[in-house]
PDB file of N, CA and C in Angstrom:
ATOM      1  N   MET A   1       0.847  -1.305   0.082  1.00  0.00           N
ATOM      2  CA  MET A   1      -0.090  -0.147  -0.223  1.00  0.00           C
ATOM      3  C   MET A   1       0.812   1.259  -0.034  1.00  0.00           C
ATOM      4  N   LYS A   2       0.360   2.376  -0.526  1.00  0.00           N
ATOM      5  CA  LYS A   2       1.099   3.253  -0.868  1.00  0.00           C
ATOM      6  C   LYS A   2       1.216   4.330   0.451  1.00  0.00           C
ATOM      7  N   LYS A   3       2.678   4.757   0.447  1.00  0.00           N
ATOM      8  CA  LYS A   3       2.457   5.782   2.075  1.00  0.00           C
ATOM      9  C   LYS A   3       1.916   6.886   1.776  1.00  0.00           C
ATOM     10  N   LYS A   4       1.228   7.180   2.677  1.00  0.00           N
ATOM     11  CA  LYS A   4       0.263   8.587   3.177  1.00  0.00           C
ATOM     12  C   LYS A   4       1.233   9.457   3.606  1.00  0.00           C
ATOM     13  N   ASN A   5       0.524  10.828   3.274  1.00  0.00           N
ATOM     14  CA  ASN A   5       1.420  12.389   3.648  1.00  0.00           C
ATOM     15  C   ASN A   5       0.382  12.431   4.764  1.00  0.00           C
ATOM     16  N   PRO A   6       1.470  12.454   5.797  1.00  0.00           N
ATOM     17  CA  PRO A   6       0.960  12.927   7.322  1.00  0.00           C
ATOM     18  C   PRO A   6       0.490  14.286   7.434  1.00  0.00           C
ATOM     19  N   ALA A   7       0.935  15.290   6.443  1.00  0.00           N
ATOM     20  CA  ALA A   7       0.632  16.904   6.303  1.00  0.00           C
ATOM     21  C   ALA A   7      -0.892  16.830   5.890  1.00  0.00           C
ATOM     22  N   ILE A   8      -1.282  16.081   5.168  1.00  0.00           N
ATOM     23  CA  ILE A   8      -2.744  16.022   4.105  1.00  0.00           C
ATOM     24  C   ILE A   8      -3.551  15.320   5.378  1.00  0.00           C
ATOM     25  N   THR A   9      -3.290  14.089   5.850  1.00  0.00           N
ATOM     26  CA  THR A   9      -4.089  13.629   7.076  1.00  0.00           C
ATOM     27  C   THR A   9      -4.507  14.834   7.945  1.00  0.00           C
ATOM     28  N   ALA A  10      -3.441  15.526   8.542  1.00  0.00           N
ATOM     29  CA  ALA A  10      -3.387  16.764   9.742  1.00  0.00           C
ATOM     30  C   ALA A  10      -4.418  17.674   9.302  1.00  0.00           C
ATOM     31  N   VAL A  11      -4.154  18.108   7.797  1.00  0.00           N
ATOM     32  CA  VAL A  11      -5.288  18.902   7.191  1.00  0.00           C
ATOM     33  C   VAL A  11      -6.527  18.919   7.200  1.00  0.00           C
ATOM     34  N   LEU A  12      -6.837  17.378   6.717  1.00  0.00           N
ATOM     35  CA  LEU A  12      -8.106  17.202   6.635  1.00  0.00           C
ATOM     36  C   LEU A  12      -8.693  17.099   7.809  1.00  0.00           C
ATOM     37  N   ASN A  13      -8.078  16.553   9.068  1.00  0.00           N
ATOM     38  CA  ASN A  13      -8.519  16.165  10.537  1.00  0.00           C
ATOM     39  C   ASN A  13      -8.611  17.605  11.010  1.00  0.00           C
ATOM     40  N   PHE A  14      -8.229  18.584  10.850  1.00  0.00           N
ATOM     41  CA  PHE A  14      -8.343  20.041  11.166  1.00  0.00           C
ATOM     42  C   PHE A  14      -9.578  20.361  10.724  1.00  0.00           C
ATOM     43  N   PHE A  15      -9.943  20.180   9.560  1.00  0.00           N
ATOM     44  CA  PHE A  15     -10.866  21.085   8.968  1.00  0.00           C
ATOM     45  C   PHE A  15     -12.142  20.075   8.800  1.00  0.00           C
ATOM     46  N   LEU A  16     -12.128  18.896   8.881  1.00  0.00           N
ATOM     47  CA  LEU A  16     -13.174  17.973   9.017  1.00  0.00           C
ATOM     48  C   LEU A  16     -12.997  16.334   9.842  1.00  0.00           C
ATOM     49  N   PRO A  17     -13.101  16.753  11.084  1.00  0.00           N
ATOM     50  CA  PRO A  17     -12.533  15.469  12.198  1.00  0.00           C
ATOM     51  C   PRO A  17     -12.857  14.196  11.361  1.00  0.00           C
ATOM     52  N   GLY A  18     -12.294  13.619  11.179  1.00  0.00           N
ATOM     53  CA  GLY A  18     -12.423  11.814  10.822  1.00  0.00           C
ATOM     54  C   GLY A  18     -11.932  11.853   9.588  1.00  0.00           C
ATOM     55  N   LEU A  19     -12.333  12.877   8.472  1.00  0.00           N
ATOM     56  CA  LEU A  19     -12.173  12.791   7.061  1.00  0.00           C
ATOM     57  C   LEU A  19     -10.202  12.408   6.924  1.00  0.00           C
ATOM     58  N   GLY A  20      -9.304  12.674   7.701  1.00  0.00           N
ATOM     59  CA  GLY A  20      -7.970  12.628   7.733  1.00  0.00           C
ATOM     60  C   GLY A  20      -7.964  10.919   7.853  1.00  0.00           C
ATOM     61  N   PHE A  21      -8.447  10.516   8.848  1.00  0.00           N
ATOM     62  CA  PHE A  21      -8.111   8.758   9.153  1.00  0.00           C
ATOM     63  C   PHE A  21      -9.165   8.149   7.927  1.00  0.00           C
ATOM     64  N   ALA A  22     -10.237   8.406   7.379  1.00  0.00           N
ATOM     65  CA  ALA A  22     -10.319   7.818   6.157  1.00  0.00           C
ATOM     66  C   ALA A  22      -9.508   7.946   5.040  1.00  0.00           C
ATOM     67  N   TYR A  23      -8.926   8.841   5.111  1.00  0.00           N
ATOM     68  CA  TYR A  23      -7.794   9.431   3.795  1.00  0.00           C
ATOM     69  C   TYR A  23      -6.782   8.190   3.934  1.00  0.00           C
ATOM     70  N   LEU A  24      -6.526   7.365   5.092  1.00  0.00           N
ATOM     71  CA  LEU A  24      -5.735   6.711   5.096  1.00  0.00           C
ATOM     72  C   LEU A  24      -6.393   5.017   4.340  1.00  0.00           C
ATOM     73  N   GLY A  25      -7.450   5.285   4.132  1.00  0.00           N
ATOM     74  CA  GLY A  25      -7.871   4.188   3.444  1.00  0.00           C
ATOM     75  C   GLY A  25      -7.894   2.682   4.060  1.00  0.00           C
ATOM     76  N   SER A  26      -7.396   2.188   5.292  1.00  0.00           N
ATOM     77  CA  SER A  26      -8.027   1.258   5.883  1.00  0.00           C
ATOM     78  C   SER A  26      -9.054   1.100   6.536  1.00  0.00           C
ATOM     79  N   PRO A  27      -9.533  -0.101   6.091  1.00  0.00           N
ATOM     80  CA  PRO A  27     -11.009  -0.163   6.886  1.00  0.00           C
ATOM     81  C   PRO A  27     -11.235  -0.161   8.252  1.00  0.00           C
ATOM     82  N   PHE A  28     -10.202  -0.082   8.990  1.00  0.00           N
ATOM     83  CA  PHE A  28     -10.277   0.309  10.629  1.00  0.00           C
ATOM     84  C   PHE A  28     -10.267   1.892  10.533  1.00  0.00           C
ATOM     85  N   PHE A  29      -9.381   2.502   9.890  1.00  0.00           N
ATOM     86  CA  PHE A  29      -9.503   3.890   9.762  1.00  0.00           C
ATOM     87  C   PHE A  29     -10.415   4.598   8.938  1.00  0.00           C
ATOM     88  N   ILE A  30     -11.487   4.117   8.450  1.00  0.00           N
ATOM     89  CA  ILE A  30     -12.452   4.502   7.691  1.00  0.00           C
ATOM     90  C   ILE A  30     -13.469   4.293   8.710  1.00  0.00           C
ATOM     91  N   ALA A  31     -13.551   3.560   9.297  1.00  0.00           N
ATOM     92  CA  ALA A  31     -14.737   3.421  10.577  1.00  0.00           C
ATOM     93  C   ALA A  31     -14.407   4.041  11.523  1.00  0.00           C
ATOM     94  N   THR A  32     -13.092   4.127  11.813  1.00  0.00           N
ATOM     95  CA  THR A  32     -12.519   5.278  13.150  1.00  0.00           C
ATOM     96  C   THR A  32     -13.005   6.913  12.778  1.00  0.00           C
ATOM     97  N   GLY A  33     -12.767   6.978  11.347  1.00  0.00           N
ATOM     98  CA  GLY A  33     -12.998   8.634  10.867  1.00  0.00           C
ATOM     99  C   GLY A  33     -14.549   8.534  10.846  1.00  0.00           C
ATOM    100  N   VAL A  34     -15.245   7.499  10.575  1.00  0.00           N
ATOM    101  CA  VAL A  34     -16.867   7.738  10.261  1.00  0.00           C
ATOM    102  C   VAL A  34     -17.289   7.840  11.834  1.00  0.00           C
ATOM    103  N   ALA A  35     -16.840   7.029  12.697  1.00  0.00           N
ATOM    104  CA  ALA A  35     -17.459   7.254  14.084  1.00  0.00           C
ATOM    105  C   ALA A  35     -16.776   8.718  15.003  1.00  0.00           C
ATOM    106  N   LEU A  36     -15.606   8.809  14.429  1.00  0.00           N
ATOM    107  CA  LEU A  36     -15.124  10.389  14.981  1.00  0.00           C
ATOM    108  C   LEU A  36     -15.774  11.352  14.399  1.00  0.00           C
ATOM    109  N   PHE A  37     -16.429  11.525  13.394  1.00  0.00           N
ATOM    110  CA  PHE A  37     -17.266  12.429  12.679  1.00  0.00           C
ATOM    111  C   PHE A  37     -18.691  12.589  13.579  1.00  0.00           C
ATOM    112  N   ALA A  38     -19.192  11.125  13.772  1.00  0.00           N
ATOM    113  CA  ALA A  38     -20.419  11.167  14.387  1.00  0.00           C
ATOM    114  C   ALA A  38     -20.651  11.413  15.461  1.00  0.00           C
ATOM    115  N   LEU A  39     -19.793  11.039  16.252  1.00  0.00           N
ATOM    116  CA  LEU A  39     -19.422  11.507  17.516  1.00  0.00           C
ATOM    117  C   LEU A  39     -19.752  13.214  17.719  1.00  0.00           C
ATOM    118  N   LEU A  40     -18.654  13.700  16.848  1.00  0.00           N
ATOM    119  CA  LEU A  40     -18.489  15.166  16.885  1.00  0.00           C
ATOM    120  C   LEU A  40     -20.033  15.750  16.332  1.00  0.00           C
ATOM    121  N   PHE A  41     -20.669  15.389  15.683  1.00  0.00           N
ATOM    122  CA  PHE A  41     -21.839  15.956  14.898  1.00  0.00           C
ATOM    123  C   PHE A  41     -23.195  15.621  16.132  1.00  0.00           C
ATOM    124  N   VAL A  42     -22.976  14.846  16.658  1.00  0.00           N
ATOM    125  CA  VAL A  42     -24.066  14.441  17.854  1.00  0.00           C
ATOM    126  C   VAL A  42     -23.663  15.484  19.023  1.00  0.00           C
ATOM    127  N   ALA A  43     -22.604  15.746  19.286  1.00  0.00           N
ATOM    128  CA  ALA A  43     -22.106  16.496  20.181  1.00  0.00           C
ATOM    129  C   ALA A  43     -22.454  17.780  20.023  1.00  0.00           C
ATOM    130  N   MET A  44     -22.545  18.206  18.691  1.00  0.00           N
ATOM    131  CA  MET A  44     -22.944  19.856  18.193  1.00  0.00           C
ATOM    132  C   MET A  44     -24.358  19.827  18.226  1.00  0.00           C
ATOM    133  N   VAL A  45     -25.188  18.396  17.869  1.00  0.00           N
ATOM    134  CA  VAL A  45     -26.472  18.916  17.825  1.00  0.00           C
ATOM    135  C   VAL A  45     -26.971  18.770  19.306  1.00  0.00           C
ATOM    136  N   ILE A  46     -26.392  18.147  20.064  1.00  0.00           N
ATOM    137  CA  ILE A  46     -26.793  18.087  21.715  1.00  0.00           C
ATOM    138  C   ILE A  46     -26.808  19.721  22.072  1.00  0.00           C
ATOM    139  N   GLY A  47     -25.474  20.152  21.644  1.00  0.00           N
ATOM    140  CA  GLY A  47     -24.783  21.514  22.465  1.00  0.00           C
ATOM    141  C   GLY A  47     -25.911  22.663  21.919  1.00  0.00           C
ATOM    142  N   THR A  48     -26.316  22.243  20.651  1.00  0.00           N
ATOM    143  CA  THR A  48     -27.122  23.398  20.276  1.00  0.00           C
ATOM    144  C   THR A  48     -28.654  23.295  20.497  1.00  0.00           C
ATOM    145  N   ARG A  49     -29.144  22.276  20.791  1.00  0.00           N
ATOM    146  CA  ARG A  49     -30.484  22.158  21.079  1.00  0.00           C
ATOM    147  C   ARG A  49     -30.662  22.117  22.521  1.00  0.00           C
ATOM    148  N   SER A  50     -29.298  22.025  23.446  1.00  0.00           N
ATOM    149  CA  SER A  50     -29.618  22.392  25.158  1.00  0.00           C
ATOM    150  C   SER A  50     -29.671  24.169  25.347  1.00  0.00           C
ATOM    151  N   THR A  51     -29.135  24.807  24.389  1.00  0.00           N
ATOM    152  CA  THR A  51     -29.418  26.463  24.144  1.00  0.00           C
ATOM    153  C   THR A  51     -30.557  26.849  24.087  1.00  0.00           C
ATOM    154  N   PRO A  52     -31.007  27.594  24.660  1.00  0.00           N
ATOM    155  CA  PRO A  52     -32.501  28.231  24.406  1.00  0.00           C
ATOM    156  C   PRO A  52     -32.421  28.946  23.302  1.00  0.00           C
ATOM    157  N   ALA A  53     -33.072  29.301  22.398  1.00  0.00           N
ATOM    158  CA  ALA A  53     -33.628  30.024  21.109  1.00  0.00           C
ATOM    159  C   ALA A  53     -33.123  31.228  21.571  1.00  0.00           C
ATOM    160  N   ALA A  54     -33.726  32.046  22.665  1.00  0.00           N
ATOM    161  CA  ALA A  54     -33.363  33.095  22.610  1.00  0.00           C
ATOM    162  C   ALA A  54     -31.959  33.896  22.864  1.00  0.00           C
ATOM    163  N   LEU A  55     -31.157  32.762  23.552  1.00  0.00           N
ATOM    164  CA  LEU A  55     -29.574  32.828  23.692  1.00  0.00           C
ATOM    165  C   LEU A  55     -28.953  32.950  22.269  1.00  0.00           C
ATOM    166  N   GLN A  56     -29.669  31.838  21.615  1.00  0.00           N
ATOM    167  CA  GLN A  56     -28.338  31.452  20.319  1.00  0.00           C
ATOM    168  C   GLN A  56     -28.229  32.708  19.622  1.00  0.00           C
ATOM    169  N   ALA A  57     -28.902  33.582  19.379  1.00  0.00           N
ATOM    170  CA  ALA A  57     -28.599  34.581  18.410  1.00  0.00           C
ATOM    171  C   ALA A  57     -27.844  35.675  19.134  1.00  0.00           C
ATOM    172  N   VAL A  58     -27.538  35.814  20.585  1.00  0.00           N
ATOM    173  CA  VAL A  58     -27.207  36.793  21.560  1.00  0.00           C
ATOM    174  C   VAL A  58     -25.297  36.360  20.958  1.00  0.00           C
ATOM    175  N   THR A  59     -24.534  37.237  21.041  1.00  0.00           N
ATOM    176  CA  THR A  59     -23.050  37.089  21.277  1.00  0.00           C
ATOM    177  C   THR A  59     -22.926  37.461  22.662  1.00  0.00           C
ATOM    178  N   GLN A  60     -22.221  36.262  23.163  1.00  0.00           N
ATOM    179  CA  GLN A  60     -22.075  36.174  24.606  1.00  0.00           C
ATOM    180  C   GLN A  60     -20.185  36.218  24.680  1.00  0.00           C
ATOM    181  N   PRO A  61     -19.945  36.700  26.025  1.00  0.00           N
ATOM    182  CA  PRO A  61     -18.304  36.637  25.944  1.00  0.00           C
ATOM    183  C   PRO A  61     -17.699  35.413  25.716  1.00  0.00           C
ATOM    184  N   GLY A  62     -18.376  34.142  26.154  1.00  0.00           N
ATOM    185  CA  GLY A  62     -18.158  32.835  25.986  1.00  0.00           C
ATOM    186  C   GLY A  62     -17.923  32.370  24.854  1.00  0.00           C
ATOM    187  N   ASP A  63     -18.681  33.275  23.565  1.00  0.00           N
ATOM    188  CA  ASP A  63     -18.260  32.586  22.255  1.00  0.00           C
ATOM    189  C   ASP A  63     -16.512  32.735  21.832  1.00  0.00           C
ATOM    190  N   VAL A  64     -16.005  33.484  22.173  1.00  0.00           N
ATOM    191  CA  VAL A  64     -14.420  33.565  22.165  1.00  0.00           C
ATOM    192  C   VAL A  64     -13.711  32.438  22.688  1.00  0.00           C
ATOM    193  N   ALA A  65     -14.379  32.121  23.793  1.00  0.00           N
ATOM    194  CA  ALA A  65     -13.629  30.885  24.389  1.00  0.00           C
ATOM    195  C   ALA A  65     -14.086  29.495  23.498  1.00  0.00           C
ATOM    196  N   ASP A  66     -15.239  29.485  23.021  1.00  0.00           N
ATOM    197  CA  ASP A  66     -15.958  28.712  22.343  1.00  0.00           C
ATOM    198  C   ASP A  66     -14.962  28.156  21.094  1.00  0.00           C
ATOM    199  N   ILE A  67     -14.680  29.360  20.808  1.00  0.00           N
ATOM    200  CA  ILE A  67     -13.845  29.247  19.104  1.00  0.00           C
ATOM    201  C   ILE A  67     -12.422  28.532  19.766  1.00  0.00           C
ATOM    202  N   VAL A  68     -11.849  29.061  20.618  1.00  0.00           N
ATOM    203  CA  VAL A  68     -10.663  28.864  21.244  1.00  0.00           C
ATOM    204  C   VAL A  68     -10.466  27.578  21.549  1.00  0.00           C
ATOM    205  N   VAL A  69     -11.254  27.205  22.065  1.00  0.00           N
ATOM    206  CA  VAL A  69     -11.381  25.510  22.511  1.00  0.00           C
ATOM    207  C   VAL A  69     -11.607  24.812  21.162  1.00  0.00           C
ATOM    208  N   THR A  70     -12.384  25.133  20.747  1.00  0.00           N
ATOM    209  CA  THR A  70     -12.831  24.381  19.020  1.00  0.00           C
ATOM    210  C   THR A  70     -11.635  24.147  18.222  1.00  0.00           C
ATOM    211  N   VAL A  71     -10.533  25.434  18.150  1.00  0.00           N
ATOM    212  CA  VAL A  71      -9.446  25.354  17.412  1.00  0.00           C
ATOM    213  C   VAL A  71      -8.291  24.448  18.045  1.00  0.00           C
ATOM    214  N   ALA A  72      -8.515  24.633  19.592  1.00  0.00           N
ATOM    215  CA  ALA A  72      -7.633  23.444  19.841  1.00  0.00           C
ATOM    216  C   ALA A  72      -7.640  22.440  20.133  1.00  0.00           C
ATOM    217  N   ILE A  73      -8.911  22.008  19.986  1.00  0.00           N
ATOM    218  CA  ILE A  73      -9.663  20.431  19.583  1.00  0.00           C
ATOM    219  C   ILE A  73      -9.147  19.920  18.485  1.00  0.00           C
ATOM    220  N   ASP A  74      -9.120  20.881  17.648  1.00  0.00           N
ATOM    221  CA  ASP A  74      -9.043  20.510  16.255  1.00  0.00           C
ATOM    222  C   ASP A  74      -7.360  20.428  15.854  1.00  0.00           C
ATOM    223  N   LEU A  75      -6.524  21.102  16.526  1.00  0.00           N
ATOM    224  CA  LEU A  75      -5.049  21.019  16.574  1.00  0.00           C
ATOM    225  C   LEU A  75      -4.645  19.946  17.339  1.00  0.00           C
ATOM    226  N   VAL A  76      -5.263  19.363  18.258  1.00  0.00           N
ATOM    227  CA  VAL A  76      -4.790  18.089  19.023  1.00  0.00           C
ATOM    228  C   VAL A  76      -5.055  16.886  17.955  1.00  0.00           C
ATOM    229  N   TRP A  77      -6.605  16.676  17.381  1.00  0.00           N
ATOM    230  CA  TRP A  77      -6.751  16.072  16.284  1.00  0.00           C
ATOM    231  C   TRP A  77      -5.845  15.990  15.168  1.00  0.00           C
ATOM    232  N   ALA A  78      -5.349  16.941  14.553  1.00  0.00           N
ATOM    233  CA  ALA A  78      -4.555  17.255  13.647  1.00  0.00           C
ATOM    234  C   ALA A  78      -3.114  16.757  13.964  1.00  0.00           C
ATOM    235  N   ALA A  79      -2.492  16.758  15.240  1.00  0.00           N
ATOM    236  CA  ALA A  79      -1.472  16.325  15.785  1.00  0.00           C
ATOM    237  C   ALA A  79      -1.751  14.706  15.766  1.00  0.00           C
ATOM    238  N   ILE A  80      -2.508  14.270  16.298  1.00  0.00           N
ATOM    239  CA  ILE A  80      -2.771  13.052  16.595  1.00  0.00           C
ATOM    240  C   ILE A  80      -3.021  12.314  15.129  1.00  0.00           C
ATOM    241  N   SER A  81      -3.452  12.741  14.360  1.00  0.00           N
ATOM    242  CA  SER A  81      -3.665  11.919  13.286  1.00  0.00           C
ATOM    243  C   SER A  81      -2.423  12.198  11.910  1.00  0.00           C
ATOM    244  N   TRP A  82      -1.628  13.285  12.629  1.00  0.00           N
ATOM    245  CA  TRP A  82      -0.106  13.553  11.966  1.00  0.00           C
ATOM    246  C   TRP A  82       0.624  11.980  12.328  1.00  0.00           C
ATOM    247  N   GLU A  83       0.625  12.032  13.647  1.00  0.00           N
ATOM    248  CA  GLU A  83       1.553  10.587  14.266  1.00  0.00           C
ATOM    249  C   GLU A  83       1.013   9.115  14.178  1.00  0.00           C
ATOM    250  N   VAL A  84      -0.657   9.276  13.840  1.00  0.00           N
ATOM    251  CA  VAL A  84      -0.981   7.882  13.410  1.00  0.00           C
ATOM    252  C   VAL A  84      -0.601   7.667  11.799  1.00  0.00           C
ATOM    253  N   THR A  85      -0.544   8.695  11.169  1.00  0.00           N
ATOM    254  CA  THR A  85      -0.289   8.505   9.683  1.00  0.00           C
ATOM    255  C   THR A  85       1.526   7.976   9.555  1.00  0.00           C
ATOM    256  N   ASN A  86       2.007   8.803  10.551  1.00  0.00           N
ATOM    257  CA  ASN A  86       3.698   8.343  10.483  1.00  0.00           C
ATOM    258  C   ASN A  86       3.639   6.940  11.143  1.00  0.00           C
ATOM    259  N   LEU A  87       2.771   6.158  12.083  1.00  0.00           N
ATOM    260  CA  LEU A  87       2.926   4.940  12.473  1.00  0.00           C
ATOM    261  C   LEU A  87       2.162   3.892  11.603  1.00  0.00           C
ATOM    262  N   PHE A  88       1.297   4.291  11.066  1.00  0.00           N
ATOM    263  CA  PHE A  88       0.400   3.725   9.603  1.00  0.00           C
ATOM    264  C   PHE A  88       1.795   3.483   8.800  1.00  0.00           C
ATOM    265  N   ASN A  89       2.459   4.490   8.323  1.00  0.00           N
ATOM    266  CA  ASN A  89       3.431   4.328   7.245  1.00  0.00           C
ATOM    267  C   ASN A  89       4.485   3.326   7.895  1.00  0.00           C
ATOM    268  N   ALA A  90       4.701   3.536   8.867  1.00  0.00           N
ATOM    269  CA  ALA A  90       6.216   2.640   9.384  1.00  0.00           C
ATOM    270  C   ALA A  90       5.443   0.935   9.165  1.00  0.00           C
ATOM    271  N   ALA A  91       4.641   0.630   9.463  1.00  0.00           N
ATOM    272  CA  ALA A  91       3.816  -0.671   9.514  1.00  0.00           C
ATOM    273  C   ALA A  91       3.815  -0.992   8.027  1.00  0.00           C
ATOM    274  N   GLN A  92       3.462  -0.255   6.727  1.00  0.00           N
ATOM    275  CA  GLN A  92       3.571  -0.620   5.581  1.00  0.00           C
ATOM    276  C   GLN A  92       4.631  -1.570   5.030  1.00  0.00           C
ATOM    277  N   PRO A  93       4.529  -2.485   4.527  1.00  0.00           N
ATOM    278  CA  PRO A  93       5.795  -3.501   4.236  1.00  0.00           C
ATOM    279  C   PRO A  93       6.418  -2.515   3.154  1.00  0.00           C
ATOM    280  N   LYS A  94       8.155  -2.892   3.541  1.00  0.00           N
ATOM    281  CA  LYS A  94       9.311  -2.163   2.760  1.00  0.00           C
ATOM    282  C   LYS A  94       8.883  -2.834   1.253  1.00  0.00           C
ATOM    283  N   ALA A  95       9.217  -1.589   0.322  1.00  0.00           N
ATOM    284  CA  ALA A  95       9.323  -2.181  -1.107  1.00  0.00           C
ATOM    285  C   ALA A  95      10.863  -2.973  -1.394  1.00  0.00           C
ATOM    286  N   ALA A  96      10.210  -4.217  -2.265  1.00  0.00           N
ATOM    287  CA  ALA A  96      11.664  -5.009  -2.364  1.00  0.00           C
ATOM    288  C   ALA A  96      12.307  -3.994  -3.381  1.00  0.00           C
ATOM    289  N   ALA A  97      13.937  -4.315  -3.046  1.00  0.00           N
ATOM    290  CA  ALA A  97      14.962  -3.597  -3.775  1.00  0.00           C
ATOM    291  C   ALA A  97      14.794  -4.520  -5.391  1.00  0.00           C
ATOM    292  N   THR A  98      15.273  -3.449  -6.561  1.00  0.00           N
ATOM    293  CA  THR A  98      15.383  -3.883  -7.649  1.00  0.00           C
ATOM    294  C   THR A  98      16.604  -4.503  -8.330  1.00  0.00           C
TER     295      THR A  98
END
């Protein structure tokens, strides 16, 4: 199997968590990526529904903190996916010398 670029995996996981794992192409990583995306989507829906409609349109001081935390989590996922890609590449069989 062709080695994957860790930078592509990291960028994909930063912008759409789970997509970077699906990029690796292994059935395990595809399932992991779909599960990660589904988990984050469900968490987002639950978080939106738990906020009263009257407060959703109002900008609050906590909005900046939410953005900072979200970006931090995305950076952590990008770093994790970078390392997972390096491990994935290391586990691939070496090409035979000609």
